[in-house]
Amino acid sequence: MTAAPLYDSFALHGSSVSLVTVYDDDHRFFVAGSVLTASVDPFALAVSVGRTRAALPAMLSGRAWALSILAAQHLPLVRALTGSTRPEERRAALTAAGAAESPEGPLVLPDALTTFWCRTSSSTTVHDQELVVGDVLRATTPNDDEPLLRWNHRFHTASALE
């Protein structure tokens, strides 16, 4: 079976939407749907990162990275970050959404559902992806806004799926 039908089938597995950011000599970021709890004690997260992503080398170099779980109000931002836009347009969209540099360096969205700051503890190459496990250094207090979801290749709010 080819990858396309498998990818379409798995798109029916809904997930939250996150913004992953890291800073080296520039701010690097991407939208992630493939995030999971890798460990509870100590708390660690795992994120699947395309091996060609500009953020990956900085994440693997030991720099702190941030994972912000996005809320419904971030839908326009996610569309700008995942659409066919130029890098400067994506950065402008982040700035317009209120992204600010955290003390650790990565950009964060102050109105995200929650943000976790992580440092990579391990990684595993899986074909065209790198499964990156990050030990959580700290997190913000979660808020109870409506989450942004990815389902069937599109971004949605939970209320839109009811």
C-alpha atoms as a PDB file:
ATOM      1  CA  MET A   1       0.000   0.000   0.000  1.00  0.00           C
ATOM      2  CA  THR A   2       1.308   3.462  -0.853  1.00  0.00           C
ATOM      3  CA  ALA A   3       1.762   6.209   1.708  1.00  0.00           C
ATOM      4  CA  ALA A   4      -1.063   8.487   0.476  1.00  0.00           C
ATOM      5  CA  PRO A   5      -4.033   6.244   1.444  1.00  0.00           C
ATOM      6  CA  LEU A   6      -2.380   5.437   4.777  1.00  0.00           C
ATOM      7  CA  TYR A   7      -1.829   9.137   5.470  1.00  0.00           C
ATOM      8  CA  ASP A   8      -5.467   9.880   4.573  1.00  0.00           C
ATOM      9  CA  SER A   9      -6.693   7.114   6.864  1.00  0.00           C
ATOM     10  CA  PHE A  10      -4.593   8.307   9.785  1.00  0.00           C
ATOM     11  CA  ALA A  11      -5.835  11.878   9.248  1.00  0.00           C
ATOM     12  CA  LEU A  12      -9.056  10.666  10.877  1.00  0.00           C
ATOM     13  CA  HIS A  13      -7.115  10.428  14.157  1.00  0.00           C
ATOM     14  CA  GLY A  14      -7.706  13.860  15.620  1.00  0.00           C
ATOM     15  CA  SER A  15      -5.063  15.708  17.585  1.00  0.00           C
ATOM     16  CA  SER A  16      -4.398  18.979  19.291  1.00  0.00           C
ATOM     17  CA  VAL A  17      -2.303  21.553  17.457  1.00  0.00           C
ATOM     18  CA  SER A  18       0.951  22.885  18.890  1.00  0.00           C
ATOM     19  CA  LEU A  19       3.510  25.502  17.989  1.00  0.00           C
ATOM     20  CA  VAL A  20       7.108  24.380  18.514  1.00  0.00           C
ATOM     21  CA  THR A  21       9.732  27.128  18.701  1.00  0.00           C
ATOM     22  CA  VAL A  22      13.477  27.188  19.292  1.00  0.00           C
ATOM     23  CA  TYR A  23      16.133  29.876  19.088  1.00  0.00           C
ATOM     24  CA  ASP A  24      19.687  29.476  17.824  1.00  0.00           C
ATOM     25  CA  ASP A  25      20.914  32.334  15.631  1.00  0.00           C
ATOM     26  CA  ASP A  26      17.301  32.967  14.601  1.00  0.00           C
ATOM     27  CA  HIS A  27      13.799  32.019  15.717  1.00  0.00           C
ATOM     28  CA  ARG A  28      12.779  28.690  14.199  1.00  0.00           C
ATOM     29  CA  PHE A  29       9.276  27.294  14.502  1.00  0.00           C
ATOM     30  CA  PHE A  30       6.743  24.860  13.082  1.00  0.00           C
ATOM     31  CA  VAL A  31       3.210  23.642  13.713  1.00  0.00           C
ATOM     32  CA  ALA A  32       3.004  20.128  15.151  1.00  0.00           C
ATOM     33  CA  GLY A  33       0.118  17.717  15.495  1.00  0.00           C
ATOM     34  CA  SER A  34       2.183  14.690  16.475  1.00  0.00           C
ATOM     35  CA  VAL A  35       2.887  15.233  20.179  1.00  0.00           C
ATOM     36  CA  LEU A  36       2.618  12.748  23.022  1.00  0.00           C
ATOM     37  CA  THR A  37       3.531  12.246  26.654  1.00  0.00           C
ATOM     38  CA  ALA A  38       6.780  10.261  26.612  1.00  0.00           C
ATOM     39  CA  SER A  39       7.128  10.000  30.406  1.00  0.00           C
ATOM     40  CA  VAL A  40       5.193  11.129  33.464  1.00  0.00           C
ATOM     41  CA  ASP A  41       7.943  11.011  36.111  1.00  0.00           C
ATOM     42  CA  PRO A  42       9.985  12.890  35.157  1.00  0.00           C
ATOM     43  CA  PHE A  43       7.595  14.555  32.729  1.00  0.00           C
ATOM     44  CA  ALA A  44       8.736  14.415  29.107  1.00  0.00           C
ATOM     45  CA  LEU A  45       7.086  15.112  25.759  1.00  0.00           C
ATOM     46  CA  ALA A  46       7.798  13.610  22.355  1.00  0.00           C
ATOM     47  CA  VAL A  47       7.234  15.406  19.080  1.00  0.00           C
ATOM     48  CA  SER A  48       7.652  14.139  15.536  1.00  0.00           C
ATOM     49  CA  VAL A  49       9.806  16.568  13.528  1.00  0.00           C
ATOM     50  CA  GLY A  50      10.370  16.384   9.777  1.00  0.00           C
ATOM     51  CA  ARG A  51      14.077  15.783   9.185  1.00  0.00           C
ATOM     52  CA  THR A  52      14.287  18.805   6.850  1.00  0.00           C
ATOM     53  CA  ARG A  53      12.767  21.266   9.348  1.00  0.00           C
ATOM     54  CA  ALA A  54      15.025  24.241  10.075  1.00  0.00           C
ATOM     55  CA  ALA A  55      14.271  23.918  13.811  1.00  0.00           C
ATOM     56  CA  LEU A  56      15.574  20.361  14.137  1.00  0.00           C
ATOM     57  CA  PRO A  57      19.344  21.037  14.416  1.00  0.00           C
ATOM     58  CA  ALA A  58      18.788  23.564  17.222  1.00  0.00           C
ATOM     59  CA  MET A  59      16.433  21.177  19.040  1.00  0.00           C
ATOM     60  CA  LEU A  60      19.047  18.418  18.836  1.00  0.00           C
ATOM     61  CA  SER A  61      21.905  20.729  19.916  1.00  0.00           C
ATOM     62  CA  GLY A  62      20.658  21.025  23.490  1.00  0.00           C
ATOM     63  CA  ARG A  63      18.938  24.382  23.211  1.00  0.00           C
ATOM     64  CA  ALA A  64      15.687  24.839  25.108  1.00  0.00           C
ATOM     65  CA  TRP A  65      12.587  24.648  22.935  1.00  0.00           C
ATOM     66  CA  ALA A  66       8.986  25.538  23.658  1.00  0.00           C
ATOM     67  CA  LEU A  67       5.821  23.659  22.787  1.00  0.00           C
ATOM     68  CA  SER A  68       2.651  25.748  23.035  1.00  0.00           C
ATOM     69  CA  ILE A  69      -0.710  23.994  22.805  1.00  0.00           C
ATOM     70  CA  LEU A  70      -2.873  26.246  20.668  1.00  0.00           C
ATOM     71  CA  ALA A  71      -6.386  27.514  21.259  1.00  0.00           C
ATOM     72  CA  ALA A  72      -9.250  28.177  18.853  1.00  0.00           C
ATOM     73  CA  GLN A  73      -8.263  31.840  18.479  1.00  0.00           C
ATOM     74  CA  HIS A  74      -4.967  30.699  16.899  1.00  0.00           C
ATOM     75  CA  LEU A  75      -6.711  29.299  13.801  1.00  0.00           C
ATOM     76  CA  PRO A  76      -5.752  32.295  11.579  1.00  0.00           C
ATOM     77  CA  LEU A  77      -2.147  32.031  12.793  1.00  0.00           C
ATOM     78  CA  VAL A  78      -1.970  28.308  12.038  1.00  0.00           C
ATOM     79  CA  ARG A  79      -3.404  28.866   8.577  1.00  0.00           C
ATOM     80  CA  ALA A  80      -0.735  31.517   7.946  1.00  0.00           C
ATOM     81  CA  LEU A  81       2.048  29.263   9.256  1.00  0.00           C
ATOM     82  CA  THR A  82       0.963  26.189   7.288  1.00  0.00           C
ATOM     83  CA  GLY A  83      -0.166  27.868   4.072  1.00  0.00           C
ATOM     84  CA  SER A  84       1.982  28.725   1.096  1.00  0.00           C
ATOM     85  CA  THR A  85       3.491  31.828   2.650  1.00  0.00           C
ATOM     86  CA  ARG A  86       7.024  33.177   2.630  1.00  0.00           C
ATOM     87  CA  PRO A  87       9.198  32.968   5.777  1.00  0.00           C
ATOM     88  CA  GLU A  88       8.870  36.694   6.459  1.00  0.00           C
ATOM     89  CA  GLU A  89       5.056  36.405   6.242  1.00  0.00           C
ATOM     90  CA  ARG A  90       5.086  33.536   8.729  1.00  0.00           C
ATOM     91  CA  ARG A  91       7.267  35.527  11.136  1.00  0.00           C
ATOM     92  CA  ALA A  92       4.986  38.570  10.744  1.00  0.00           C
ATOM     93  CA  ALA A  93       1.958  36.373  11.523  1.00  0.00           C
ATOM     94  CA  LEU A  94       3.650  35.184  14.723  1.00  0.00           C
ATOM     95  CA  THR A  95       4.438  38.757  15.729  1.00  0.00           C
ATOM     96  CA  ALA A  96       0.855  39.859  14.982  1.00  0.00           C
ATOM     97  CA  ALA A  97      -0.424  36.981  17.142  1.00  0.00           C
ATOM     98  CA  GLY A  98       1.557  38.347  20.090  1.00  0.00           C
ATOM     99  CA  ALA A  99       4.503  35.946  20.083  1.00  0.00           C
ATOM    100  CA  ALA A 100       7.198  37.115  22.467  1.00  0.00           C
ATOM    101  CA  GLU A 101      10.652  35.841  23.328  1.00  0.00           C
ATOM    102  CA  SER A 102      10.730  33.876  26.572  1.00  0.00           C
ATOM    103  CA  PRO A 103      13.646  34.056  29.052  1.00  0.00           C
ATOM    104  CA  GLU A 104      14.884  30.734  27.633  1.00  0.00           C
ATOM    105  CA  GLY A 105      14.973  32.195  24.116  1.00  0.00           C
ATOM    106  CA  PRO A 106      12.126  30.546  22.170  1.00  0.00           C
ATOM    107  CA  LEU A 107       9.085  32.533  21.102  1.00  0.00           C
ATOM    108  CA  VAL A 108       5.864  31.790  22.975  1.00  0.00           C
ATOM    109  CA  LEU A 109       2.243  32.822  22.613  1.00  0.00           C
ATOM    110  CA  PRO A 110       0.997  34.281  25.901  1.00  0.00           C
ATOM    111  CA  ASP A 111      -2.574  33.152  25.175  1.00  0.00           C
ATOM    112  CA  ALA A 112      -1.717  29.514  24.367  1.00  0.00           C
ATOM    113  CA  LEU A 113      -3.634  26.890  26.337  1.00  0.00           C
ATOM    114  CA  THR A 114      -0.317  26.046  27.991  1.00  0.00           C
ATOM    115  CA  THR A 115       3.360  26.125  27.076  1.00  0.00           C
ATOM    116  CA  PHE A 116       6.053  23.605  27.993  1.00  0.00           C
ATOM    117  CA  TRP A 117       9.764  24.454  27.854  1.00  0.00           C
ATOM    118  CA  CYS A 118      11.831  21.377  27.054  1.00  0.00           C
ATOM    119  CA  ARG A 119      15.380  20.262  26.457  1.00  0.00           C
ATOM    120  CA  THR A 120      16.007  17.279  24.198  1.00  0.00           C
ATOM    121  CA  SER A 121      17.005  14.155  26.098  1.00  0.00           C
ATOM    122  CA  SER A 122      16.902  11.712  23.186  1.00  0.00           C
ATOM    123  CA  SER A 123      15.901  11.364  19.566  1.00  0.00           C
ATOM    124  CA  THR A 124      15.208   8.516  17.190  1.00  0.00           C
ATOM    125  CA  THR A 125      15.255   8.643  13.410  1.00  0.00           C
ATOM    126  CA  VAL A 126      12.115   7.120  11.902  1.00  0.00           C
ATOM    127  CA  HIS A 127      12.421   7.290   8.107  1.00  0.00           C
ATOM    128  CA  ASP A 128      11.721  10.947   7.134  1.00  0.00           C
ATOM    129  CA  GLN A 129      11.004  12.069  10.713  1.00  0.00           C
ATOM    130  CA  GLU A 130      12.953  12.529  13.921  1.00  0.00           C
ATOM    131  CA  LEU A 131      11.100  11.561  17.081  1.00  0.00           C
ATOM    132  CA  VAL A 132      12.424  14.095  19.597  1.00  0.00           C
ATOM    133  CA  VAL A 133      11.917  13.523  23.326  1.00  0.00           C
ATOM    134  CA  GLY A 134      12.221  16.584  25.522  1.00  0.00           C
ATOM    135  CA  ASP A 135      12.436  16.692  29.300  1.00  0.00           C
ATOM    136  CA  VAL A 136      10.027  19.377  30.502  1.00  0.00           C
ATOM    137  CA  LEU A 137      11.888  22.179  32.291  1.00  0.00           C
ATOM    138  CA  ARG A 138       8.787  24.173  33.221  1.00  0.00           C
ATOM    139  CA  ALA A 139       5.252  24.920  32.050  1.00  0.00           C
ATOM    140  CA  THR A 140       2.697  27.686  32.263  1.00  0.00           C
ATOM    141  CA  THR A 141      -0.533  27.337  34.177  1.00  0.00           C
ATOM    142  CA  PRO A 142      -3.113  25.950  31.744  1.00  0.00           C
ATOM    143  CA  ASN A 143      -6.143  28.005  30.777  1.00  0.00           C
ATOM    144  CA  ASP A 144      -9.514  26.613  29.759  1.00  0.00           C
ATOM    145  CA  ASP A 145     -10.006  28.209  26.346  1.00  0.00           C
ATOM    146  CA  GLU A 146     -11.331  26.092  23.493  1.00  0.00           C
ATOM    147  CA  PRO A 147      -8.577  23.935  21.920  1.00  0.00           C
ATOM    148  CA  LEU A 148      -7.601  24.020  18.274  1.00  0.00           C
ATOM    149  CA  LEU A 149      -7.749  20.589  16.637  1.00  0.00           C
ATOM    150  CA  ARG A 150      -6.455  18.925  13.498  1.00  0.00           C
ATOM    151  CA  TRP A 151      -8.746  16.339  11.957  1.00  0.00           C
ATOM    152  CA  ASN A 152      -9.078  14.994   8.420  1.00  0.00           C
ATOM    153  CA  HIS A 153      -6.238  17.189   7.055  1.00  0.00           C
ATOM    154  CA  ARG A 154      -7.835  20.410   8.322  1.00  0.00           C
ATOM    155  CA  PHE A 155      -7.770  22.612  11.388  1.00  0.00           C
ATOM    156  CA  HIS A 156     -10.989  22.963  13.391  1.00  0.00           C
ATOM    157  CA  THR A 157     -12.389  24.177  16.654  1.00  0.00           C
ATOM    158  CA  ALA A 158     -14.063  21.612  18.888  1.00  0.00           C
ATOM    159  CA  SER A 159     -17.389  23.450  18.665  1.00  0.00           C
ATOM    160  CA  ALA A 160     -17.271  23.325  14.849  1.00  0.00           C
ATOM    161  CA  LEU A 161     -17.079  19.520  15.004  1.00  0.00           C
ATOM    162  CA  GLU A 162     -20.186  19.142  17.206  1.00  0.00           C
END
